[in-house]
Amino acid sequence: MQISQQIDLTDGSSCTVYYDEHQGLMRAVWLGYVDTAEAYAGAERLLEIEQQLRCPYLLNDNSGLRGPWFDSMEWLSRVWLPQAATLGLRYVAHVPQPGDLAGETAAIHHTPLPEGLEIQVFDTPAHAEQWLRDMQVAQPH
C-alpha cells in the first residue's frame, strides 16, 4: 500500500514509500534525478512514517535514480540512522543506483551504525527483499 509520495514537478523525480502490512516491511523507491533538498526531505518523511509504524524492516531502493546522489553518509550516520534506530528500525536493505554497488557497499561498511541496526547492500530489489524476509524468519517471536 502506498503511504507517501513526494514528486518534484520540475523534473518528475520522486520518493514513494510503500508499506506492506502482510510482509511487515517498508519500501522507499527513489526515481529520477533527486537533488540534495529532495533527498533530505524524503529521508525526513521516512522518519515520520517510521515514527507512526515502528517497522523494523526497510528496503531502500535507489535503483531508479539517475545522476549524482548527494554525499549523505556523514549525515546518515550522525543524524538519520540514530533517529531511525530509536524509532524501531533494525534492518535496512539498500539497493544503490546501477554502477554504485561496490562504492556504496564500502561506504556503508565504514560507517558507524547505531547498536541494533544492520544495513546490507544488494544488487537488486528482489535480493534485498529476500534478505529482509530471512531476517524476519530469524527473529524470535
C-alpha atoms as a PDB file:
ATOM      1  CA  MET A   1       0.000   0.000   0.000  1.00  0.00           C
ATOM      2  CA  GLN A   2       1.411   3.388  -0.970  1.00  0.00           C
ATOM      3  CA  ILE A   3       1.529   5.665   2.047  1.00  0.00           C
ATOM      4  CA  SER A   4       3.554   8.646   0.829  1.00  0.00           C
ATOM      5  CA  GLN A   5       4.768  10.188  -2.408  1.00  0.00           C
ATOM      6  CA  GLN A   6       6.878  13.274  -2.941  1.00  0.00           C
ATOM      7  CA  ILE A   7       7.285  14.400  -6.562  1.00  0.00           C
ATOM      8  CA  ASP A   8       9.448  17.231  -7.866  1.00  0.00           C
ATOM      9  CA  LEU A   9       7.204  18.784 -10.501  1.00  0.00           C
ATOM     10  CA  THR A  10      10.154  20.416 -12.274  1.00  0.00           C
ATOM     11  CA  ASP A  11      11.768  17.118 -13.297  1.00  0.00           C
ATOM     12  CA  GLY A  12       9.455  14.304 -12.155  1.00  0.00           C
ATOM     13  CA  SER A  13      11.889  12.817  -9.648  1.00  0.00           C
ATOM     14  CA  SER A  14      10.239  11.199  -6.663  1.00  0.00           C
ATOM     15  CA  CYS A  15      10.391   9.272  -3.432  1.00  0.00           C
ATOM     16  CA  THR A  16       7.466   6.933  -2.878  1.00  0.00           C
ATOM     17  CA  VAL A  17       7.034   4.979   0.348  1.00  0.00           C
ATOM     18  CA  TYR A  18       5.060   1.763   0.475  1.00  0.00           C
ATOM     19  CA  TYR A  19       4.114  -0.319   3.494  1.00  0.00           C
ATOM     20  CA  ASP A  20       3.308  -3.989   3.121  1.00  0.00           C
ATOM     21  CA  GLU A  21       1.404  -4.831   6.280  1.00  0.00           C
ATOM     22  CA  HIS A  22       1.261  -8.535   5.416  1.00  0.00           C
ATOM     23  CA  GLN A  23       5.046  -8.750   4.970  1.00  0.00           C
ATOM     24  CA  GLY A  24       5.729  -6.184   7.688  1.00  0.00           C
ATOM     25  CA  LEU A  25       8.139  -4.054   5.692  1.00  0.00           C
ATOM     26  CA  MET A  26       8.505  -0.556   4.303  1.00  0.00           C
ATOM     27  CA  ARG A  27       9.863   0.168   0.851  1.00  0.00           C
ATOM     28  CA  ALA A  28      11.231   3.554  -0.226  1.00  0.00           C
ATOM     29  CA  VAL A  29      11.533   3.853  -4.010  1.00  0.00           C
ATOM     30  CA  TRP A  30      13.588   6.771  -5.315  1.00  0.00           C
ATOM     31  CA  LEU A  31      13.285   7.674  -9.024  1.00  0.00           C
ATOM     32  CA  GLY A  32      14.913  10.196 -11.331  1.00  0.00           C
ATOM     33  CA  TYR A  33      17.382  12.935 -10.501  1.00  0.00           C
ATOM     34  CA  VAL A  34      16.894  13.598  -6.784  1.00  0.00           C
ATOM     35  CA  ASP A  35      18.690  16.723  -5.611  1.00  0.00           C
ATOM     36  CA  THR A  36      20.042  17.243  -2.097  1.00  0.00           C
ATOM     37  CA  ALA A  37      16.958  19.077  -0.790  1.00  0.00           C
ATOM     38  CA  GLU A  38      14.669  16.321  -2.098  1.00  0.00           C
ATOM     39  CA  ALA A  39      16.888  13.643  -0.559  1.00  0.00           C
ATOM     40  CA  TYR A  40      16.774  15.284   2.871  1.00  0.00           C
ATOM     41  CA  ALA A  41      13.006  15.815   2.609  1.00  0.00           C
ATOM     42  CA  GLY A  42      12.450  12.189   1.605  1.00  0.00           C
ATOM     43  CA  ALA A  43      14.643  10.922   4.422  1.00  0.00           C
ATOM     44  CA  GLU A  44      12.801  13.108   6.941  1.00  0.00           C
ATOM     45  CA  ARG A  45       9.480  11.796   5.624  1.00  0.00           C
ATOM     46  CA  LEU A  46      10.739   8.244   6.173  1.00  0.00           C
ATOM     47  CA  LEU A  47      11.430   9.126   9.814  1.00  0.00           C
ATOM     48  CA  GLU A  48       7.884  10.480  10.194  1.00  0.00           C
ATOM     49  CA  ILE A  49       6.488   7.253   8.760  1.00  0.00           C
ATOM     50  CA  GLU A  50       8.768   5.125  10.947  1.00  0.00           C
ATOM     51  CA  GLN A  51       7.528   7.032  13.996  1.00  0.00           C
ATOM     52  CA  GLN A  52       3.960   6.021  13.110  1.00  0.00           C
ATOM     53  CA  LEU A  53       4.592   2.431  12.002  1.00  0.00           C
ATOM     54  CA  ARG A  54       7.563   1.355  14.150  1.00  0.00           C
ATOM     55  CA  CYS A  55       8.528  -1.003  11.317  1.00  0.00           C
ATOM     56  CA  PRO A  56      11.906  -2.729  11.823  1.00  0.00           C
ATOM     57  CA  TYR A  57      12.393  -3.551   8.108  1.00  0.00           C
ATOM     58  CA  LEU A  58      13.170  -1.060   5.312  1.00  0.00           C
ATOM     59  CA  LEU A  59      14.014  -1.716   1.675  1.00  0.00           C
ATOM     60  CA  ASN A  60      15.621   1.470   0.345  1.00  0.00           C
ATOM     61  CA  ASP A  61      15.561   1.211  -3.453  1.00  0.00           C
ATOM     62  CA  ASN A  62      17.796   3.670  -5.316  1.00  0.00           C
ATOM     63  CA  SER A  63      17.966   1.526  -8.468  1.00  0.00           C
ATOM     64  CA  GLY A  64      15.837   4.049 -10.382  1.00  0.00           C
ATOM     65  CA  LEU A  65      17.974   7.086  -9.554  1.00  0.00           C
ATOM     66  CA  ARG A  66      19.803   8.999 -12.248  1.00  0.00           C
ATOM     67  CA  GLY A  67      22.725  11.366 -11.856  1.00  0.00           C
ATOM     68  CA  PRO A  68      24.827  12.000  -8.767  1.00  0.00           C
ATOM     69  CA  TRP A  69      23.413  11.205  -5.332  1.00  0.00           C
ATOM     70  CA  PHE A  70      24.132  13.656  -2.534  1.00  0.00           C
ATOM     71  CA  ASP A  71      27.037  12.789  -0.218  1.00  0.00           C
ATOM     72  CA  SER A  72      24.890  11.504   2.593  1.00  0.00           C
ATOM     73  CA  MET A  73      26.912   9.024   4.640  1.00  0.00           C
ATOM     74  CA  GLU A  74      28.117  11.505   7.273  1.00  0.00           C
ATOM     75  CA  TRP A  75      24.622  12.940   7.796  1.00  0.00           C
ATOM     76  CA  LEU A  76      23.017   9.497   7.728  1.00  0.00           C
ATOM     77  CA  SER A  77      25.386   8.072  10.341  1.00  0.00           C
ATOM     78  CA  ARG A  78      25.283  11.136  12.594  1.00  0.00           C
ATOM     79  CA  VAL A  79      21.601  12.123  12.330  1.00  0.00           C
ATOM     80  CA  TRP A  80      19.253   9.871  10.389  1.00  0.00           C
ATOM     81  CA  LEU A  81      20.345   6.361  11.389  1.00  0.00           C
ATOM     82  CA  PRO A  82      20.353   7.042  15.162  1.00  0.00           C
ATOM     83  CA  GLN A  83      16.869   8.570  14.935  1.00  0.00           C
ATOM     84  CA  ALA A  84      15.568   5.696  12.811  1.00  0.00           C
ATOM     85  CA  ALA A  85      17.040   3.116  15.203  1.00  0.00           C
ATOM     86  CA  THR A  86      15.472   4.877  18.188  1.00  0.00           C
ATOM     87  CA  LEU A  87      12.111   4.671  16.398  1.00  0.00           C
ATOM     88  CA  GLY A  88      12.477   0.921  15.861  1.00  0.00           C
ATOM     89  CA  LEU A  89      14.263   0.427  12.529  1.00  0.00           C
ATOM     90  CA  ARG A  90      16.558  -2.623  12.771  1.00  0.00           C
ATOM     91  CA  TYR A  91      17.253  -3.842   9.226  1.00  0.00           C
ATOM     92  CA  VAL A  92      17.900  -1.786   6.101  1.00  0.00           C
ATOM     93  CA  ALA A  93      18.304  -3.487   2.731  1.00  0.00           C
ATOM     94  CA  HIS A  94      19.774  -0.901   0.366  1.00  0.00           C
ATOM     95  CA  VAL A  95      19.812  -1.150  -3.438  1.00  0.00           C
ATOM     96  CA  PRO A  96      22.104   1.510  -4.950  1.00  0.00           C
ATOM     97  CA  GLN A  97      21.705   3.002  -8.382  1.00  0.00           C
ATOM     98  CA  PRO A  98      23.302   0.967 -11.185  1.00  0.00           C
ATOM     99  CA  GLY A  99      27.086   1.071 -11.135  1.00  0.00           C
ATOM    100  CA  ASP A 100      27.376   2.118  -7.477  1.00  0.00           C
ATOM    101  CA  LEU A 101      27.222  -1.279  -5.742  1.00  0.00           C
ATOM    102  CA  ALA A 102      30.916  -1.546  -4.803  1.00  0.00           C
ATOM    103  CA  GLY A 103      31.251   2.078  -3.712  1.00  0.00           C
ATOM    104  CA  GLU A 104      28.129   2.093  -1.572  1.00  0.00           C
ATOM    105  CA  THR A 105      28.953  -1.278  -0.032  1.00  0.00           C
ATOM    106  CA  ALA A 106      32.375   0.041   1.012  1.00  0.00           C
ATOM    107  CA  ALA A 107      30.929   3.314   2.318  1.00  0.00           C
ATOM    108  CA  ILE A 108      28.287   1.591   4.410  1.00  0.00           C
ATOM    109  CA  HIS A 109      30.740  -0.902   5.876  1.00  0.00           C
ATOM    110  CA  HIS A 110      32.947   2.002   7.019  1.00  0.00           C
ATOM    111  CA  THR A 111      30.046   3.908   8.566  1.00  0.00           C
ATOM    112  CA  PRO A 112      29.434   3.614  12.306  1.00  0.00           C
ATOM    113  CA  LEU A 113      25.951   2.218  12.908  1.00  0.00           C
ATOM    114  CA  PRO A 114      23.763   2.546  15.982  1.00  0.00           C
ATOM    115  CA  GLU A 115      23.644  -0.571  18.118  1.00  0.00           C
ATOM    116  CA  GLY A 116      20.962  -2.972  16.930  1.00  0.00           C
ATOM    117  CA  LEU A 117      20.833  -1.639  13.352  1.00  0.00           C
ATOM    118  CA  GLU A 118      22.090  -3.663  10.391  1.00  0.00           C
ATOM    119  CA  ILE A 119      22.463  -2.457   6.802  1.00  0.00           C
ATOM    120  CA  GLN A 120      23.200  -4.663   3.812  1.00  0.00           C
ATOM    121  CA  VAL A 121      23.672  -3.612   0.189  1.00  0.00           C
ATOM    122  CA  PHE A 122      22.162  -5.600  -2.691  1.00  0.00           C
ATOM    123  CA  ASP A 123      22.271  -5.522  -6.469  1.00  0.00           C
ATOM    124  CA  THR A 124      18.514  -5.994  -6.966  1.00  0.00           C
ATOM    125  CA  PRO A 125      15.335  -5.198  -5.032  1.00  0.00           C
ATOM    126  CA  ALA A 126      14.430  -8.912  -5.136  1.00  0.00           C
ATOM    127  CA  HIS A 127      17.662  -9.881  -3.342  1.00  0.00           C
ATOM    128  CA  ALA A 128      17.138  -7.086  -0.822  1.00  0.00           C
ATOM    129  CA  GLU A 129      13.578  -8.188  -0.107  1.00  0.00           C
ATOM    130  CA  GLN A 130      14.674 -11.802   0.321  1.00  0.00           C
ATOM    131  CA  TRP A 131      17.266 -10.766   2.917  1.00  0.00           C
ATOM    132  CA  LEU A 132      14.627  -8.817   4.852  1.00  0.00           C
ATOM    133  CA  ARG A 133      12.364 -11.885   4.831  1.00  0.00           C
ATOM    134  CA  ASP A 134      15.281 -14.003   6.054  1.00  0.00           C
ATOM    135  CA  MET A 135      15.852 -11.527   8.900  1.00  0.00           C
ATOM    136  CA  GLN A 136      12.169 -11.736   9.839  1.00  0.00           C
ATOM    137  CA  VAL A 137      12.316 -15.536   9.990  1.00  0.00           C
ATOM    138  CA  ALA A 138      15.494 -15.399  12.091  1.00  0.00           C
ATOM    139  CA  GLN A 139      13.876 -13.209  14.764  1.00  0.00           C
ATOM    140  CA  PRO A 140      12.465 -14.904  17.860  1.00  0.00           C
ATOM    141  CA  HIS A 141       8.722 -14.494  18.209  1.00  0.00           C
END
